[in-house]
Amino acid sequence: MTQLPNSWITAEIAELVEPQENGKPFQQGWSPQCESRPADDDEWGVVKTTAIQHGEFWAHENKALPAKLDPRPAIEIMPGDVLMTCAGPRNRCGVACLVEKTRPRLMMSGKMYRFRPHPKVLDARYLSHFIRLHDTQLRIDAMKTGINDSGLNLTHGRFGQLPVVVPPINEQRRIVEKIEAMFDEIDKGVESLQTARATLGLYRQSLLKSAFEGRLTADWRAQNADKLEAPETLLARIQAERDTRYKAALDAWQDAVAEWRVNGEKGKKPAKPRRQTEANIDEDWGDGLLALPGNAIWVACNHVSGQISDGTHKTPKYCDSGVPFISAKDIRNFQIDFSDTRFVDEAQHVEMSKRCLIEKGNVLITKSGTIGRVAVVQTHKPFSLFESVANIPILDPMNSKFVAYAAFFVANSFFIGKAQKGVAVRHLHLEDIRKMPIPLFSIDEQVEIVRILDTRLEAADALEAEIDAALNRAGALRQSILKKAFSGRLVPQDPGDEPAYALLEQIKAERAQAPKATKRKTAHA
């Protein structure tokens, strides 16, 4: 451990905060059944845990207290409070922020507690930065208890033992001033990077729009008029493939039934495959579709696919290894990311495959969470899906990558566009996906569109990777600054500053002389 300056001390956080009205260093909130809407300015409200972000307080993240319930002013959030989440998933338990300003009549919920640094020994902004230090976060993480990462707790007793390095109070203020000046410079760079990243997203949508309007392949069409297959001919070829697959499924079913009978009709009789029924584009699309070039037409997604399905709607029993289990979080950048998946055993996978069989060349699309992300299955490796992802089996001779690009464009320009206009679209139903419009171009033009998009989007992806790397470096630079700050290497020491140990002794003496606090009935731990 780095040697601290002589005027610094290390003390447990419980020693460095002022007693709350209940006489304890920490005070927990209250979790009544609230209304679903935020509280109006003249109403009492209870803040949600999402109000507490790393280093930021979002007062708008609250729910209105029902009029039939009396508020508890003793747990009203005030400027100067440091709030800490104490229950929830690992990444949300142990998150802290300093409340620098807030609207009145907001109370803490039962999944958080507050503490107030003693102003004589600990600057609140200094503590807020100290808690964001990576080493501090690791110590807090080790204090959490619970059966699994989805539901952990951080008790007062455990958190109260957190060691805090404490310089003289004047030096703390100099440290905060230096940190915030350096962070301001980093923030300017980060803001520029985030703007560039957002611009890339707009560029991708603009590029896809140009592709489906025919602008990217205008010259190609002029030179290859003989390759522009009529859409009716292409749809007939797709239907022939659908019929072939259905006949193969019927043959397999008949074989399965025969085997079932040979085995004495034990177990459930194999279900006869159903012929796919086609749905048309939903009327809600109206005139909102792009004008397509040449003889290209819009068709519903299920006109170019087999039976569209989604993954299991039941949370499986996870394993340490086995068959990958893919959810919406694993679909990004037009690919399936297998690096952070959960696993299920072979028996569960076999059962889930009866509902949703994934094959190479299928297109996956996220239908809940962040909707509209897509990927083409590029592997024969078996895996299963959660219900947040839909499986679209693409029928020959359609180009899977073309359909993926089209689905991404349509989902992100229409469904997300509706959300931006105030119409919440948090979930796509399978019927939405079956009826989703897909532009039908000739196969040769599909191949040319994919070639152009792959090249240009690959360049955009490379630039985005550079931006993300720069953002990661900014985060690492912040941590480097904090590490220097809390080891005494960011600002010089002033021999005239009163040592931290002397300040701590003063407040210990004050506490020893103070009368014992009486327990309030309104205090809830």
Protein backbone atom coordinates (compact mmCIF):
# COMPACT_ATOMS: atom_id res chain seq x y z
CA MET A 1 0.00 0.00 0.00
CA THR A 2 1.25 3.50 -0.86
CA GLN A 3 2.75 5.39 2.08
CA LEU A 4 0.41 8.28 2.96
CA PRO A 5 1.64 11.76 3.95
CA ASN A 6 2.18 12.20 7.70
CA SER A 7 -0.78 14.56 8.05
CA TRP A 8 -3.19 11.98 6.62
CA ILE A 9 -5.05 9.21 8.42
CA THR A 10 -7.15 6.19 7.49
CA ALA A 11 -10.44 5.83 9.36
CA GLU A 12 -13.65 3.86 9.01
CA ILE A 13 -16.42 5.81 7.34
CA ALA A 14 -18.74 5.39 10.34
CA GLU A 15 -16.28 7.52 12.36
CA LEU A 16 -16.31 10.32 9.79
CA VAL A 17 -20.01 11.03 9.39
CA GLU A 18 -22.46 12.96 11.53
CA PRO A 19 -25.05 11.03 13.55
CA GLN A 20 -28.50 11.00 11.92
CA GLU A 21 -31.67 11.83 13.82
CA ASN A 22 -31.81 8.20 14.92
CA GLY A 23 -28.38 8.60 16.52
CA LYS A 24 -26.77 6.24 14.01
CA PRO A 25 -24.29 7.06 11.25
CA PHE A 26 -26.63 5.82 8.51
CA GLN A 27 -30.35 6.28 7.98
CA GLN A 28 -32.42 4.08 5.71
CA GLY A 29 -35.53 5.07 3.77
CA TRP A 30 -39.06 3.72 3.38
CA SER A 31 -40.71 1.71 0.61
CA PRO A 32 -44.46 2.37 0.55
CA GLN A 33 -46.64 1.30 -2.38
CA CYS A 34 -46.38 4.38 -4.60
CA GLU A 35 -48.18 5.54 -7.70
CA SER A 36 -46.50 4.75 -11.01
CA ARG A 37 -46.15 8.41 -12.03
CA PRO A 38 -43.54 10.91 -10.81
CA ALA A 39 -44.58 13.30 -8.04
CA ASP A 40 -45.67 16.81 -8.98
CA ASP A 41 -43.61 19.64 -7.48
CA ASP A 42 -46.15 20.21 -4.69
CA GLU A 43 -46.45 16.49 -3.86
CA TRP A 44 -44.33 14.16 -1.78
CA GLY A 45 -42.48 11.46 -3.65
CA VAL A 46 -40.14 8.52 -3.02
CA VAL A 47 -37.00 8.33 -5.15
CA LYS A 48 -36.17 5.15 -7.04
CA THR A 49 -32.73 3.58 -6.85
CA THR A 50 -32.15 4.81 -10.41
CA ALA A 51 -32.06 8.34 -8.96
CA ILE A 52 -28.62 7.40 -7.62
CA GLN A 53 -26.01 7.29 -10.36
CA HIS A 54 -22.24 7.21 -9.88
CA GLY A 55 -21.56 10.79 -8.81
CA GLU A 56 -24.97 12.14 -9.92
CA PHE A 57 -28.41 12.54 -8.34
CA TRP A 58 -31.41 12.39 -10.69
CA ALA A 59 -34.31 13.89 -8.74
CA HIS A 60 -36.76 13.17 -11.57
CA GLU A 61 -36.42 9.42 -10.90
CA ASN A 62 -39.20 9.23 -8.30
CA LYS A 63 -42.73 8.00 -7.72
CA ALA A 64 -45.60 9.96 -6.18
CA LEU A 65 -46.65 9.11 -2.62
CA PRO A 66 -50.39 8.27 -2.55
CA ALA A 67 -52.50 10.99 -0.91
CA LYS A 68 -53.78 8.49 1.69
CA LEU A 69 -50.27 8.04 3.13
CA ASP A 70 -48.58 10.56 5.41
CA PRO A 71 -45.08 11.63 4.38
CA ARG A 72 -42.08 11.07 6.65
CA PRO A 73 -40.14 14.34 6.73
CA ALA A 74 -37.35 12.69 8.75
CA ILE A 75 -36.20 10.88 5.60
CA GLU A 76 -36.56 13.81 3.21
CA ILE A 77 -33.49 14.12 0.98
CA MET A 78 -31.52 17.30 1.54
CA PRO A 79 -28.55 18.96 -0.20
CA GLY A 80 -25.35 17.64 1.36
CA ASP A 81 -26.67 14.09 1.78
CA VAL A 82 -24.62 11.26 0.37
CA LEU A 83 -26.97 8.52 -0.82
CA MET A 84 -26.02 4.87 -1.23
CA THR A 85 -28.07 2.08 -2.81
CA CYS A 86 -28.09 -0.92 -0.48
CA ALA A 87 -30.11 -3.55 -2.36
CA GLY A 88 -30.38 -4.80 -5.92
CA PRO A 89 -28.27 -6.49 -8.61
CA ARG A 90 -24.50 -6.32 -8.17
CA ASN A 91 -24.01 -3.42 -10.56
CA ARG A 92 -26.70 -1.33 -8.82
CA CYS A 93 -26.04 -2.21 -5.18
CA GLY A 94 -23.43 0.07 -3.59
CA VAL A 95 -23.83 3.00 -6.00
CA ALA A 96 -23.36 6.38 -4.29
CA CYS A 97 -23.84 10.05 -5.11
CA LEU A 98 -23.64 13.42 -3.38
CA VAL A 99 -26.88 15.40 -3.49
CA GLU A 100 -25.76 18.91 -4.41
CA LYS A 101 -29.27 20.18 -5.13
CA THR A 102 -32.74 18.69 -5.14
CA ARG A 103 -36.38 19.68 -5.18
CA PRO A 104 -38.25 19.52 -1.84
CA ARG A 105 -40.54 16.72 -0.65
CA LEU A 106 -38.53 13.77 -1.92
CA MET A 107 -37.92 10.85 0.46
CA MET A 108 -35.46 7.97 0.40
CA SER A 109 -36.74 4.52 -0.47
CA GLY A 110 -36.00 1.47 1.65
CA LYS A 111 -33.35 0.31 -0.83
CA MET A 112 -31.00 3.16 0.05
CA TYR A 113 -29.53 4.98 3.00
CA ARG A 114 -27.88 8.31 3.57
CA PHE A 115 -25.00 9.70 5.54
CA ARG A 116 -23.55 13.16 5.98
CA PRO A 117 -19.79 13.67 6.24
CA HIS A 118 -18.78 15.62 9.33
CA PRO A 119 -17.79 19.03 7.87
CA LYS A 120 -14.85 19.44 10.26
CA VAL A 121 -13.08 16.30 9.09
CA LEU A 122 -14.50 15.21 5.72
CA ASP A 123 -15.49 17.24 2.66
CA ALA A 124 -18.59 15.75 1.00
CA ARG A 125 -17.27 16.24 -2.54
CA TYR A 126 -13.95 14.65 -1.54
CA LEU A 127 -15.83 11.61 -0.21
CA SER A 128 -17.95 11.42 -3.36
CA HIS A 129 -14.80 11.21 -5.50
CA PHE A 130 -13.18 8.74 -3.09
CA ILE A 131 -16.13 6.36 -3.41
CA ARG A 132 -15.73 6.41 -7.21
CA LEU A 133 -12.11 5.24 -6.94
CA HIS A 134 -11.80 1.73 -8.42
CA ASP A 135 -10.09 0.33 -5.31
CA THR A 136 -12.91 1.70 -3.14
CA GLN A 137 -15.50 0.13 -5.44
CA LEU A 138 -13.76 -3.23 -5.10
CA ARG A 139 -13.85 -2.96 -1.29
CA ILE A 140 -17.54 -2.05 -1.35
CA ASP A 141 -18.26 -4.93 -3.72
CA ALA A 142 -16.60 -7.37 -1.31
CA MET A 143 -18.96 -6.17 1.46
CA LYS A 144 -22.13 -7.14 -0.41
CA THR A 145 -24.04 -10.25 0.66
CA GLY A 146 -26.63 -12.39 -1.08
CA ILE A 147 -27.27 -15.70 -2.79
CA ASN A 148 -26.64 -14.50 -6.35
CA ASP A 149 -25.67 -11.39 -8.31
CA SER A 150 -29.27 -10.49 -9.09
CA GLY A 151 -30.15 -9.69 -5.47
CA LEU A 152 -27.44 -8.41 -3.13
CA ASN A 153 -27.47 -6.32 0.04
CA LEU A 154 -25.05 -3.86 1.60
CA THR A 155 -25.68 -3.60 5.33
CA HIS A 156 -24.95 -0.55 7.49
CA GLY A 157 -22.58 -2.58 9.63
CA ARG A 158 -20.46 -3.79 6.75
CA PHE A 159 -20.36 -0.48 4.90
CA GLY A 160 -19.55 1.37 8.12
CA GLN A 161 -16.17 -0.42 8.17
CA LEU A 162 -15.10 1.03 4.80
CA PRO A 163 -11.61 2.54 5.24
CA VAL A 164 -11.34 6.13 4.01
CA VAL A 165 -8.04 7.97 3.54
CA VAL A 166 -8.42 11.41 5.11
CA PRO A 167 -6.09 14.37 4.45
CA PRO A 168 -6.39 17.66 6.35
CA ILE A 169 -9.71 19.34 5.49
CA ASN A 170 -8.04 22.21 3.60
CA GLU A 171 -6.03 19.76 1.51
CA GLN A 172 -9.23 17.85 0.74
CA ARG A 173 -10.68 21.03 -0.77
CA ARG A 174 -7.54 21.59 -2.86
CA ILE A 175 -7.73 17.97 -4.05
CA VAL A 176 -11.39 18.38 -5.04
CA GLU A 177 -10.62 21.60 -6.91
CA LYS A 178 -7.79 19.92 -8.83
CA ILE A 179 -9.81 16.77 -9.60
CA GLU A 180 -12.77 18.73 -10.90
CA ALA A 181 -10.60 21.02 -13.05
CA MET A 182 -8.93 17.99 -14.65
CA PHE A 183 -12.24 16.14 -15.02
CA ASP A 184 -13.75 19.18 -16.75
CA GLU A 185 -11.07 18.95 -19.43
CA ILE A 186 -11.66 15.22 -19.84
CA ASP A 187 -15.43 15.81 -20.02
CA LYS A 188 -14.98 18.19 -22.95
CA GLY A 189 -13.13 15.51 -24.89
CA VAL A 190 -15.66 12.84 -23.91
CA GLU A 191 -18.53 15.05 -25.05
CA SER A 192 -16.88 15.43 -28.47
CA LEU A 193 -16.34 11.66 -28.69
CA GLN A 194 -19.95 10.93 -27.74
CA THR A 195 -21.17 13.41 -30.35
CA ALA A 196 -19.02 11.67 -32.96
CA ARG A 197 -20.39 8.30 -31.87
CA ALA A 198 -23.98 9.54 -32.18
CA THR A 199 -23.16 10.93 -35.63
CA LEU A 200 -21.98 7.47 -36.67
CA GLY A 201 -25.38 6.07 -35.71
CA LEU A 202 -27.08 8.67 -37.91
CA TYR A 203 -24.63 7.88 -40.70
CA ARG A 204 -25.52 4.17 -40.56
CA GLN A 205 -29.23 4.92 -40.84
CA SER A 206 -28.61 7.40 -43.66
CA LEU A 207 -26.48 4.84 -45.50
CA LEU A 208 -29.15 2.16 -45.17
CA LYS A 209 -31.81 4.60 -46.36
CA SER A 210 -29.71 5.39 -49.43
CA ALA A 211 -29.30 1.66 -50.09
CA PHE A 212 -33.02 0.91 -50.04
CA GLU A 213 -33.89 4.03 -52.02
CA GLY A 214 -31.61 2.61 -54.70
CA ARG A 215 -29.06 5.41 -54.70
CA LEU A 216 -26.09 3.17 -53.85
CA THR A 217 -26.80 0.82 -56.76
CA ALA A 218 -28.17 3.25 -59.38
CA ASP A 219 -25.18 2.74 -61.69
CA TRP A 220 -25.24 -1.02 -61.15
CA ARG A 221 -28.92 -1.20 -62.16
CA ALA A 222 -28.27 0.82 -65.30
CA GLN A 223 -25.53 -1.62 -66.32
CA ASN A 224 -27.35 -4.80 -65.28
CA ALA A 225 -30.94 -4.35 -66.41
CA ASP A 226 -31.01 -8.00 -67.50
CA LYS A 227 -30.42 -9.13 -63.89
CA LEU A 228 -33.43 -7.33 -62.38
CA GLU A 229 -35.62 -10.36 -61.72
CA ALA A 230 -39.32 -9.58 -61.47
CA PRO A 231 -40.55 -9.68 -57.84
CA GLU A 232 -43.37 -12.08 -58.78
CA THR A 233 -40.80 -14.54 -60.13
CA LEU A 234 -38.64 -14.22 -57.01
CA LEU A 235 -41.63 -14.70 -54.69
CA ALA A 236 -42.55 -17.85 -56.63
CA ARG A 237 -39.03 -19.22 -56.11
CA ILE A 238 -39.26 -18.44 -52.39
CA GLN A 239 -42.64 -20.18 -52.20
CA ALA A 240 -41.17 -23.23 -53.92
CA GLU A 241 -38.47 -23.38 -51.24
CA ARG A 242 -41.14 -23.04 -48.54
CA ASP A 243 -43.12 -25.92 -50.09
CA THR A 244 -39.98 -28.07 -50.27
CA ARG A 245 -39.24 -27.47 -46.60
CA TYR A 246 -42.83 -28.22 -45.62
CA LYS A 247 -42.77 -31.51 -47.55
CA ALA A 248 -39.50 -32.48 -45.82
CA ALA A 249 -41.07 -31.66 -42.44
CA LEU A 250 -44.12 -33.78 -43.31
CA ASP A 251 -41.92 -36.71 -44.32
CA ALA A 252 -39.96 -36.42 -41.07
CA TRP A 253 -43.23 -36.28 -39.10
CA GLN A 254 -44.57 -39.39 -40.80
CA ASP A 255 -41.34 -41.24 -39.98
CA ALA A 256 -41.60 -40.06 -36.35
CA VAL A 257 -45.22 -41.22 -36.09
CA ALA A 258 -44.28 -44.60 -37.55
CA GLU A 259 -41.50 -44.99 -35.00
CA TRP A 260 -43.87 -43.89 -32.22
CA ARG A 261 -46.31 -46.64 -33.21
CA VAL A 262 -43.56 -49.27 -33.44
CA ASN A 263 -42.62 -48.34 -29.86
CA GLY A 264 -46.14 -49.02 -28.64
CA GLU A 265 -47.39 -45.43 -28.88
CA LYS A 266 -45.56 -44.51 -25.72
CA GLY A 267 -45.41 -40.85 -24.87
CA LYS A 268 -46.98 -37.99 -26.75
CA LYS A 269 -47.78 -38.45 -30.43
CA PRO A 270 -45.48 -36.29 -32.61
CA ALA A 271 -47.24 -33.08 -33.65
CA LYS A 272 -48.00 -32.64 -37.32
CA PRO A 273 -46.17 -29.63 -38.80
CA ARG A 274 -48.41 -26.72 -39.70
CA ARG A 275 -48.26 -25.02 -43.05
CA GLN A 276 -47.14 -21.43 -42.66
CA THR A 277 -49.85 -18.80 -43.07
CA GLU A 278 -48.71 -15.56 -44.63
CA ALA A 279 -49.48 -12.17 -43.11
CA ASN A 280 -49.46 -8.91 -45.02
CA ILE A 281 -47.83 -5.61 -44.14
CA ASP A 282 -49.73 -3.94 -41.31
CA GLU A 283 -51.94 -1.01 -42.30
CA ASP A 284 -50.23 1.13 -39.64
CA TRP A 285 -47.34 1.63 -42.03
CA GLY A 286 -49.55 3.67 -44.34
CA ASP A 287 -47.53 6.03 -46.52
CA GLY A 288 -44.50 5.88 -44.25
CA LEU A 289 -42.54 3.49 -46.45
CA LEU A 290 -39.73 4.59 -48.75
CA ALA A 291 -40.31 4.73 -52.48
CA LEU A 292 -38.28 1.80 -53.84
CA PRO A 293 -36.38 1.92 -57.13
CA GLY A 294 -37.14 0.03 -60.33
CA ASN A 295 -39.31 -3.04 -59.87
CA ALA A 296 -38.50 -3.53 -56.16
CA ILE A 297 -41.53 -3.90 -53.88
CA TRP A 298 -42.31 -4.04 -50.16
CA VAL A 299 -43.38 -7.40 -48.74
CA ALA A 300 -44.09 -8.62 -45.22
CA CYS A 301 -41.13 -10.29 -43.51
CA ASN A 302 -42.81 -13.68 -43.40
CA HIS A 303 -43.10 -13.65 -47.22
CA VAL A 304 -39.33 -14.20 -47.37
CA SER A 305 -38.95 -16.43 -44.30
CA GLY A 306 -39.99 -19.65 -42.68
CA GLN A 307 -41.93 -19.75 -39.42
CA ILE A 308 -40.78 -16.85 -37.22
CA SER A 309 -40.49 -17.77 -33.54
CA ASP A 310 -38.83 -16.56 -30.38
CA GLY A 311 -36.92 -18.20 -27.56
CA THR A 312 -38.20 -19.71 -24.34
CA HIS A 313 -40.45 -17.57 -22.14
CA LYS A 314 -39.31 -19.41 -19.01
CA THR A 315 -36.05 -18.59 -17.26
CA PRO A 316 -33.96 -21.77 -17.53
CA LYS A 317 -31.65 -23.27 -14.95
CA TYR A 318 -28.21 -21.93 -15.81
CA CYS A 319 -25.00 -23.96 -15.80
CA ASP A 320 -21.32 -23.06 -15.58
CA SER A 321 -20.81 -24.52 -19.06
CA GLY A 322 -22.85 -26.21 -21.75
CA VAL A 323 -24.95 -24.82 -24.60
CA PRO A 324 -24.82 -21.00 -24.98
CA PHE A 325 -28.07 -19.24 -24.06
CA ILE A 326 -28.45 -16.02 -26.06
CA SER A 327 -30.52 -13.02 -24.96
CA ALA A 328 -30.92 -9.48 -26.34
CA LYS A 329 -27.74 -8.27 -24.63
CA ASP A 330 -25.69 -10.68 -26.78
CA ILE A 331 -26.89 -9.23 -30.11
CA ARG A 332 -24.81 -6.23 -31.17
CA ASN A 333 -23.07 -4.80 -34.24
CA PHE A 334 -24.89 -7.25 -36.55
CA GLN A 335 -23.24 -10.18 -34.74
CA ILE A 336 -23.87 -12.63 -31.92
CA ASP A 337 -21.43 -12.02 -29.08
CA PHE A 338 -20.71 -15.34 -27.37
CA SER A 339 -18.12 -13.82 -24.99
CA ASP A 340 -20.47 -13.20 -22.04
CA THR A 341 -23.32 -15.65 -22.49
CA ARG A 342 -24.97 -17.86 -19.93
CA PHE A 343 -25.25 -21.61 -20.47
CA VAL A 344 -27.92 -24.30 -20.25
CA ASP A 345 -27.51 -28.06 -20.25
CA GLU A 346 -28.11 -30.25 -23.30
CA ALA A 347 -31.51 -31.51 -22.10
CA GLN A 348 -32.88 -27.98 -21.73
CA HIS A 349 -31.45 -27.00 -25.11
CA VAL A 350 -33.14 -29.96 -26.83
CA GLU A 351 -36.47 -29.02 -25.27
CA MET A 352 -36.11 -25.33 -26.23
CA SER A 353 -35.15 -26.27 -29.79
CA LYS A 354 -38.60 -27.81 -30.27
CA ARG A 355 -40.00 -24.28 -30.04
CA CYS A 356 -37.22 -22.43 -31.81
CA LEU A 357 -34.64 -24.21 -33.96
CA ILE A 358 -31.74 -21.95 -34.98
CA GLU A 359 -29.75 -22.71 -38.12
CA LYS A 360 -26.87 -21.05 -39.92
CA GLY A 361 -28.16 -18.25 -42.16
CA ASN A 362 -31.10 -17.34 -39.93
CA VAL A 363 -31.56 -13.72 -38.88
CA LEU A 364 -32.01 -12.87 -35.19
CA ILE A 365 -33.69 -9.64 -34.06
CA THR A 366 -34.09 -8.31 -30.52
CA LYS A 367 -37.73 -7.84 -29.58
CA SER A 368 -37.47 -6.49 -26.04
CA GLY A 369 -34.96 -4.42 -24.12
CA THR A 370 -33.15 -2.54 -26.88
CA ILE A 371 -35.36 -3.49 -29.79
CA GLY A 372 -34.27 -3.82 -33.40
CA ARG A 373 -30.70 -5.09 -33.08
CA VAL A 374 -29.99 -7.84 -35.60
CA ALA A 375 -27.46 -10.56 -36.36
CA VAL A 376 -27.02 -13.24 -39.00
CA VAL A 377 -26.27 -16.69 -37.58
CA GLN A 378 -22.80 -17.49 -38.95
CA THR A 379 -22.19 -20.76 -37.11
CA HIS A 380 -23.43 -24.35 -36.97
CA LYS A 381 -22.64 -24.31 -33.25
CA PRO A 382 -25.85 -25.05 -31.29
CA PHE A 383 -27.32 -22.42 -28.99
CA SER A 384 -30.70 -21.49 -27.52
CA LEU A 385 -32.61 -18.21 -27.30
CA PHE A 386 -34.45 -16.31 -24.59
CA GLU A 387 -37.79 -14.73 -25.48
CA SER A 388 -36.12 -11.32 -25.95
CA VAL A 389 -34.79 -12.52 -29.33
CA ALA A 390 -36.78 -13.64 -32.38
CA ASN A 391 -35.52 -16.17 -34.93
CA ILE A 392 -36.22 -15.48 -38.63
CA PRO A 393 -35.37 -18.47 -40.90
CA ILE A 394 -34.52 -16.90 -44.28
CA LEU A 395 -35.70 -18.88 -47.31
CA ASP A 396 -33.53 -19.41 -50.39
CA PRO A 397 -32.70 -17.63 -52.58
CA MET A 398 -32.97 -14.55 -50.31
CA ASN A 399 -29.71 -13.07 -49.01
CA SER A 400 -29.71 -13.30 -45.19
CA LYS A 401 -27.42 -10.31 -44.72
CA PHE A 402 -29.69 -8.20 -46.94
CA VAL A 403 -32.73 -9.13 -44.83
CA ALA A 404 -30.78 -8.34 -41.65
CA TYR A 405 -29.85 -4.88 -42.92
CA ALA A 406 -33.44 -4.27 -44.03
CA ALA A 407 -34.92 -5.41 -40.71
CA PHE A 408 -32.47 -3.22 -38.79
CA PHE A 409 -33.32 -0.19 -40.92
CA VAL A 410 -37.08 -0.67 -40.68
CA ALA A 411 -37.10 -1.44 -36.94
CA ASN A 412 -34.85 1.49 -36.08
CA SER A 413 -36.52 4.03 -38.36
CA PHE A 414 -40.14 3.15 -37.58
CA PHE A 415 -40.53 1.46 -34.19
CA ILE A 416 -37.85 3.57 -32.49
CA GLY A 417 -39.10 6.62 -34.39
CA LYS A 418 -42.52 6.07 -32.81
CA ALA A 419 -40.90 5.89 -29.37
CA GLN A 420 -39.18 9.23 -29.99
CA LYS A 421 -42.59 10.75 -30.75
CA GLY A 422 -43.86 9.65 -27.35
CA VAL A 423 -45.43 6.32 -28.36
CA ALA A 424 -43.62 3.82 -26.15
CA VAL A 425 -42.43 0.76 -28.10
CA ARG A 426 -40.60 -1.39 -25.56
CA HIS A 427 -41.46 -4.76 -27.01
CA LEU A 428 -41.97 -6.22 -30.49
CA HIS A 429 -44.49 -9.03 -30.75
CA LEU A 430 -43.90 -11.87 -33.18
CA GLU A 431 -46.83 -10.63 -35.24
CA ASP A 432 -45.11 -7.23 -35.53
CA ILE A 433 -42.05 -8.97 -36.97
CA ARG A 434 -44.05 -11.21 -39.31
CA LYS A 435 -45.81 -8.14 -40.76
CA MET A 436 -42.71 -5.94 -40.76
CA PRO A 437 -42.04 -4.54 -44.26
CA ILE A 438 -38.95 -5.82 -46.07
CA PRO A 439 -37.85 -4.36 -49.44
CA LEU A 440 -37.73 -7.08 -52.10
CA PHE A 441 -34.94 -6.47 -54.62
CA SER A 442 -33.65 -8.92 -57.22
CA ILE A 443 -31.13 -11.39 -55.78
CA ASP A 444 -28.23 -9.94 -57.78
CA GLU A 445 -29.00 -6.44 -56.53
CA GLN A 446 -29.30 -7.75 -52.96
CA VAL A 447 -25.77 -9.11 -53.28
CA GLU A 448 -24.48 -5.78 -54.62
CA ILE A 449 -26.23 -3.79 -51.86
CA VAL A 450 -24.72 -6.07 -49.20
CA ARG A 451 -21.25 -5.71 -50.74
CA ILE A 452 -21.43 -1.90 -50.63
CA LEU A 453 -22.94 -1.78 -47.14
CA ASP A 454 -20.40 -4.23 -45.74
CA THR A 455 -17.53 -2.09 -47.01
CA ARG A 456 -18.87 1.23 -45.77
CA LEU A 457 -20.22 -0.05 -42.47
CA GLU A 458 -16.94 -1.83 -41.78
CA ALA A 459 -15.20 1.56 -42.01
CA ALA A 460 -17.80 3.05 -39.65
CA ASP A 461 -17.31 0.16 -37.22
CA ALA A 462 -13.54 0.71 -37.24
CA LEU A 463 -14.04 4.39 -36.43
CA GLU A 464 -16.51 3.52 -33.68
CA ALA A 465 -13.97 1.09 -32.18
CA GLU A 466 -11.42 3.92 -32.09
CA ILE A 467 -13.96 6.19 -30.37
CA ASP A 468 -14.80 3.49 -27.81
CA ALA A 469 -11.10 2.94 -27.13
CA ALA A 470 -10.68 6.68 -26.57
CA LEU A 471 -13.67 6.70 -24.19
CA ASN A 472 -12.12 3.80 -22.28
CA ARG A 473 -8.84 5.71 -22.07
CA ALA A 474 -10.75 8.69 -20.66
CA GLY A 475 -12.20 6.45 -17.96
CA ALA A 476 -8.75 5.06 -17.19
CA LEU A 477 -7.34 8.60 -17.02
CA ARG A 478 -10.01 9.56 -14.48
CA GLN A 479 -9.05 6.59 -12.33
CA SER A 480 -5.37 7.51 -12.62
CA ILE A 481 -6.17 11.02 -11.40
CA LEU A 482 -8.21 9.65 -8.49
CA LYS A 483 -5.45 7.21 -7.54
CA LYS A 484 -2.92 10.05 -7.39
CA ALA A 485 -5.37 12.22 -5.46
CA PHE A 486 -5.97 9.64 -2.73
CA SER A 487 -2.32 8.73 -2.30
CA GLY A 488 -1.18 12.32 -1.70
CA ARG A 489 0.44 12.83 -5.12
CA LEU A 490 -2.01 15.18 -6.85
CA VAL A 491 -1.53 18.39 -4.86
CA PRO A 492 1.32 19.46 -2.54
CA GLN A 493 0.89 19.26 1.23
CA ASP A 494 0.81 22.43 3.31
CA PRO A 495 2.66 22.10 6.66
CA GLY A 496 0.29 24.74 8.05
CA ASP A 497 -2.78 22.52 7.63
CA GLU A 498 -4.15 21.02 10.82
CA PRO A 499 -3.50 17.24 10.63
CA ALA A 500 -6.49 14.99 10.01
CA TYR A 501 -5.89 12.99 13.20
CA ALA A 502 -6.27 16.18 15.27
CA LEU A 503 -9.58 16.98 13.55
CA LEU A 504 -10.85 13.46 14.15
CA GLU A 505 -9.93 13.65 17.85
CA GLN A 506 -11.92 16.89 18.10
CA ILE A 507 -15.12 15.36 16.78
CA LYS A 508 -14.65 12.25 18.95
CA ALA A 509 -14.44 14.52 21.97
CA GLU A 510 -17.57 16.40 20.87
CA ARG A 511 -19.47 13.15 20.48
CA ALA A 512 -18.41 11.94 23.91
CA GLN A 513 -19.83 15.11 25.48
CA ALA A 514 -23.04 15.20 23.39
CA PRO A 515 -26.28 13.89 24.99
CA LYS A 516 -27.56 10.54 23.75
CA ALA A 517 -30.12 10.85 20.93
CA THR A 518 -33.60 9.54 21.67
CA LYS A 519 -34.96 7.04 19.21
CA ARG A 520 -37.72 8.43 17.00
CA LYS A 521 -40.69 6.26 16.14
CA THR A 522 -40.62 7.60 12.59
CA ALA A 523 -37.10 6.36 11.94
CA HIS A 524 -37.08 3.20 9.86
CA ALA A 525 -33.98 1.10 9.32
